[in-house]
């Protein structure tokens, strides 16, 4: 069990141990895990827990950075692969995302449902991370050459990220729906938009 002293708030190793403790509690107890339980897991009191992160919002944002950025790193690896088959590329990216959120269900719900709803700064912080992924995907789409208009590429990048995120959130509540159907339905929309089946509105 990690223990920290009152003066160790800036020690990165201790900070990492606190985040590890938070992960264990959230995975075990779900999105309603209490700050008291996290502090107890780490062998400290709540005031000391908050001191390491500034406040509860700081702890939420540190957890968001740790986990959402991990997801984004995996997604970046998939959609940046030099594959000629757009459908295969889209499918791999969507499957990776659904696999990661379903494998870390309690952490996902804690960050997106509890922390984001409970704290405005955390919500803004996570929205900024997701928005940066949309911008990055838009840049990849533009560089790929399938969509020549850089503005349209950005629109599609943000649209795809939002679509997959909200559909994934819905699917977590409806596991009776076959995962393959979810993936293939999303892939069809992505491919149709990228190949111009959904034409841009005339100016």
Protein backbone atom coordinates (compact mmCIF):
# COMPACT_ATOMS: atom_id res chain seq x y z
CA UNK A 1 0.00 0.00 0.00
CA UNK A 2 1.45 3.38 -0.97
CA UNK A 3 1.91 5.85 1.84
CA UNK A 4 2.82 9.48 1.47
CA UNK A 5 3.90 12.10 3.89
CA UNK A 6 2.39 15.54 4.20
CA UNK A 7 5.38 17.18 2.54
CA UNK A 8 5.66 14.81 -0.43
CA UNK A 9 3.06 16.36 -2.68
CA UNK A 10 5.42 17.08 -5.54
CA UNK A 11 7.10 13.68 -5.68
CA UNK A 12 6.17 12.21 -9.11
CA UNK A 13 6.59 8.66 -7.78
CA UNK A 14 4.13 9.28 -4.97
CA UNK A 15 1.74 11.03 -7.32
CA UNK A 16 1.89 7.99 -9.61
CA UNK A 17 1.21 5.72 -6.61
CA UNK A 18 -1.87 7.77 -5.75
CA UNK A 19 -3.19 7.45 -9.29
CA UNK A 20 -2.54 3.70 -9.12
CA UNK A 21 -4.57 3.58 -5.90
CA UNK A 22 -7.39 5.56 -7.54
CA UNK A 23 -7.37 3.16 -10.49
CA UNK A 24 -7.68 0.12 -8.21
CA UNK A 25 -10.59 1.57 -6.26
CA UNK A 26 -12.49 2.77 -9.35
CA UNK A 27 -12.03 -0.55 -11.13
CA UNK A 28 -13.20 -2.38 -8.02
CA UNK A 29 -16.05 -0.14 -6.84
CA UNK A 30 -17.19 1.50 -10.07
CA UNK A 31 -17.86 5.13 -11.01
CA UNK A 32 -19.30 5.97 -7.57
CA UNK A 33 -15.97 5.22 -5.84
CA UNK A 34 -15.46 7.76 -3.05
CA UNK A 35 -12.48 10.01 -2.50
CA UNK A 36 -12.31 8.60 1.04
CA UNK A 37 -11.92 5.07 -0.35
CA UNK A 38 -9.17 6.23 -2.72
CA UNK A 39 -7.34 7.96 0.12
CA UNK A 40 -7.68 4.87 2.32
CA UNK A 41 -6.33 2.66 -0.47
CA UNK A 42 -3.27 4.91 -0.64
CA UNK A 43 -2.87 4.99 3.16
CA UNK A 44 -3.50 8.72 3.53
CA UNK A 45 -6.30 11.15 4.38
CA UNK A 46 -8.46 13.02 1.87
CA UNK A 47 -6.79 16.41 2.56
CA UNK A 48 -3.38 14.91 1.75
CA UNK A 49 -4.80 13.23 -1.35
CA UNK A 50 -6.10 16.59 -2.62
CA UNK A 51 -2.85 18.33 -1.70
CA UNK A 52 -1.01 16.21 -4.28
CA UNK A 53 -3.34 17.39 -7.06
CA UNK A 54 -4.42 20.83 -5.83
CA UNK A 55 -8.04 19.74 -5.31
CA UNK A 56 -10.55 17.12 -6.42
CA UNK A 57 -10.66 18.66 -9.90
CA UNK A 58 -6.90 18.22 -10.19
CA UNK A 59 -7.21 14.53 -9.33
CA UNK A 60 -9.96 14.08 -11.91
CA UNK A 61 -7.88 15.79 -14.58
CA UNK A 62 -4.80 13.72 -13.74
CA UNK A 63 -6.86 10.54 -14.16
CA UNK A 64 -8.29 11.86 -17.43
CA UNK A 65 -4.80 12.59 -18.75
CA UNK A 66 -3.58 9.15 -17.73
CA UNK A 67 -6.40 7.17 -19.34
CA UNK A 68 -7.86 9.26 -22.16
CA UNK A 69 -4.40 9.99 -23.54
CA UNK A 70 -3.65 6.26 -23.44
CA UNK A 71 -6.76 5.61 -25.53
CA UNK A 72 -5.80 8.38 -27.94
CA UNK A 73 -2.28 6.97 -28.30
CA UNK A 74 -3.76 3.63 -29.37
CA UNK A 75 -6.23 5.25 -31.76
CA UNK A 76 -3.49 7.42 -33.28
CA UNK A 77 -1.49 4.26 -34.00
CA UNK A 78 -4.44 2.77 -35.87
CA UNK A 79 -5.68 5.69 -37.96
CA UNK A 80 -2.16 6.80 -38.83
CA UNK A 81 -1.20 3.43 -40.31
CA UNK A 82 -0.27 3.61 -44.01
CA UNK A 83 -3.01 1.33 -45.27
CA UNK A 84 -4.51 1.64 -48.72
CA UNK A 85 -7.85 0.16 -47.69
CA UNK A 86 -9.92 2.88 -46.00
CA UNK A 87 -12.48 0.38 -44.75
CA UNK A 88 -9.84 -1.75 -43.01
CA UNK A 89 -8.28 1.32 -41.44
CA UNK A 90 -11.61 2.64 -40.13
CA UNK A 91 -12.62 -0.77 -38.81
CA UNK A 92 -9.35 -1.26 -36.91
CA UNK A 93 -9.62 2.17 -35.29
CA UNK A 94 -13.25 1.72 -34.22
CA UNK A 95 -12.62 -1.80 -32.92
CA UNK A 96 -9.65 -0.56 -30.89
CA UNK A 97 -11.77 2.16 -29.28
CA UNK A 98 -14.69 -0.14 -28.40
CA UNK A 99 -12.31 -2.78 -27.03
CA UNK A 100 -10.56 -0.27 -24.78
CA UNK A 101 -13.67 1.33 -23.29
CA UNK A 102 -15.41 -2.00 -22.70
CA UNK A 103 -12.28 -3.44 -21.05
CA UNK A 104 -12.06 -0.40 -18.74
CA UNK A 105 -15.77 0.17 -18.19
CA UNK A 106 -15.65 1.51 -14.63
CA UNK A 107 -12.83 3.94 -15.41
CA UNK A 108 -14.63 5.14 -18.55
CA UNK A 109 -17.86 5.75 -16.65
CA UNK A 110 -16.03 7.43 -13.80
CA UNK A 111 -14.33 9.91 -16.13
CA UNK A 112 -17.09 10.63 -18.64
CA UNK A 113 -20.20 10.22 -16.50
CA UNK A 114 -19.18 11.20 -13.00
CA UNK A 115 -16.11 13.40 -13.15
CA UNK A 116 -17.18 15.23 -16.30
CA UNK A 117 -20.65 15.88 -14.91
CA UNK A 118 -19.47 16.73 -11.40
CA UNK A 119 -16.75 19.22 -12.24
CA UNK A 120 -16.86 21.89 -14.95
CA UNK A 121 -13.08 22.22 -15.20
CA UNK A 122 -12.71 18.48 -15.69
CA UNK A 123 -15.44 18.50 -18.33
CA UNK A 124 -13.66 21.29 -20.22
CA UNK A 125 -10.32 19.52 -19.86
CA UNK A 126 -11.63 16.24 -21.27
CA UNK A 127 -13.51 18.04 -24.04
CA UNK A 128 -10.23 19.71 -25.03
CA UNK A 129 -8.46 16.35 -25.21
CA UNK A 130 -11.22 14.86 -27.38
CA UNK A 131 -11.28 17.99 -29.57
CA UNK A 132 -7.54 17.69 -30.16
CA UNK A 133 -8.11 14.13 -31.39
CA UNK A 134 -10.71 15.44 -33.88
CA UNK A 135 -8.21 18.02 -35.13
CA UNK A 136 -5.51 15.40 -35.47
CA UNK A 137 -7.81 13.04 -37.34
CA UNK A 138 -8.85 15.90 -39.62
CA UNK A 139 -5.19 16.54 -40.41
CA UNK A 140 -4.66 12.84 -41.18
CA UNK A 141 -7.69 12.83 -43.49
CA UNK A 142 -6.40 15.91 -45.33
CA UNK A 143 -2.90 14.45 -45.65
CA UNK A 144 -4.31 11.15 -46.89
CA UNK A 145 -5.62 12.94 -49.97
CA UNK A 146 -9.05 11.30 -50.00
CA UNK A 147 -10.63 14.63 -49.00
CA UNK A 148 -8.91 17.53 -50.73
CA UNK A 149 -10.65 20.38 -48.89
CA UNK A 150 -8.84 20.89 -45.53
CA UNK A 151 -11.92 22.46 -43.93
CA UNK A 152 -14.09 19.50 -44.92
CA UNK A 153 -11.37 17.17 -43.62
CA UNK A 154 -11.52 18.92 -40.23
CA UNK A 155 -15.31 18.72 -40.17
CA UNK A 156 -15.16 15.00 -40.90
CA UNK A 157 -12.44 14.44 -38.31
CA UNK A 158 -14.52 15.99 -35.54
CA UNK A 159 -17.70 14.31 -36.78
CA UNK A 160 -16.10 10.86 -36.78
CA UNK A 161 -14.66 11.27 -33.27
CA UNK A 162 -17.99 12.49 -31.88
CA UNK A 163 -19.95 9.79 -33.66
CA UNK A 164 -17.77 6.93 -32.45
CA UNK A 165 -17.60 8.28 -28.89
CA UNK A 166 -21.36 8.73 -28.49
CA UNK A 167 -22.17 5.44 -30.23
CA UNK A 168 -19.67 3.64 -28.02
CA UNK A 169 -21.28 5.20 -24.95
CA UNK A 170 -24.69 3.94 -26.13
CA UNK A 171 -23.34 0.47 -26.89
CA UNK A 172 -21.94 0.11 -23.35
CA UNK A 173 -25.54 0.28 -22.16
CA UNK A 174 -26.79 -2.11 -24.85
CA UNK A 175 -24.49 -5.11 -24.90
CA UNK A 176 -27.30 -7.16 -26.39
CA UNK A 177 -26.39 -5.40 -29.64
CA UNK A 178 -23.74 -7.37 -31.50
CA UNK A 179 -20.41 -5.54 -31.47
CA UNK A 180 -19.81 -6.41 -35.12
CA UNK A 181 -23.03 -4.67 -36.10
CA UNK A 182 -21.96 -1.53 -34.25
CA UNK A 183 -18.51 -1.56 -35.86
CA UNK A 184 -19.74 -2.22 -39.39
CA UNK A 185 -22.48 0.41 -39.15
CA UNK A 186 -19.94 3.02 -38.08
CA UNK A 187 -17.51 1.91 -40.78
CA UNK A 188 -20.19 2.33 -43.44
CA UNK A 189 -20.81 5.94 -42.39
CA UNK A 190 -17.09 6.76 -42.29
CA UNK A 191 -16.40 5.21 -45.70
CA UNK A 192 -19.46 6.85 -47.28
CA UNK A 193 -18.45 10.27 -46.00
CA UNK A 194 -14.81 9.86 -47.02
CA UNK A 195 -15.65 8.62 -50.50
CA UNK A 196 -18.12 11.41 -51.11
CA UNK A 197 -21.37 9.47 -50.91
CA UNK A 198 -22.50 12.14 -48.46
CA UNK A 199 -21.90 15.13 -50.71
CA UNK A 200 -21.10 18.47 -49.18
CA UNK A 201 -24.05 20.89 -49.12
CA UNK A 202 -23.85 23.19 -52.15
CA UNK A 203 -22.85 26.75 -51.39
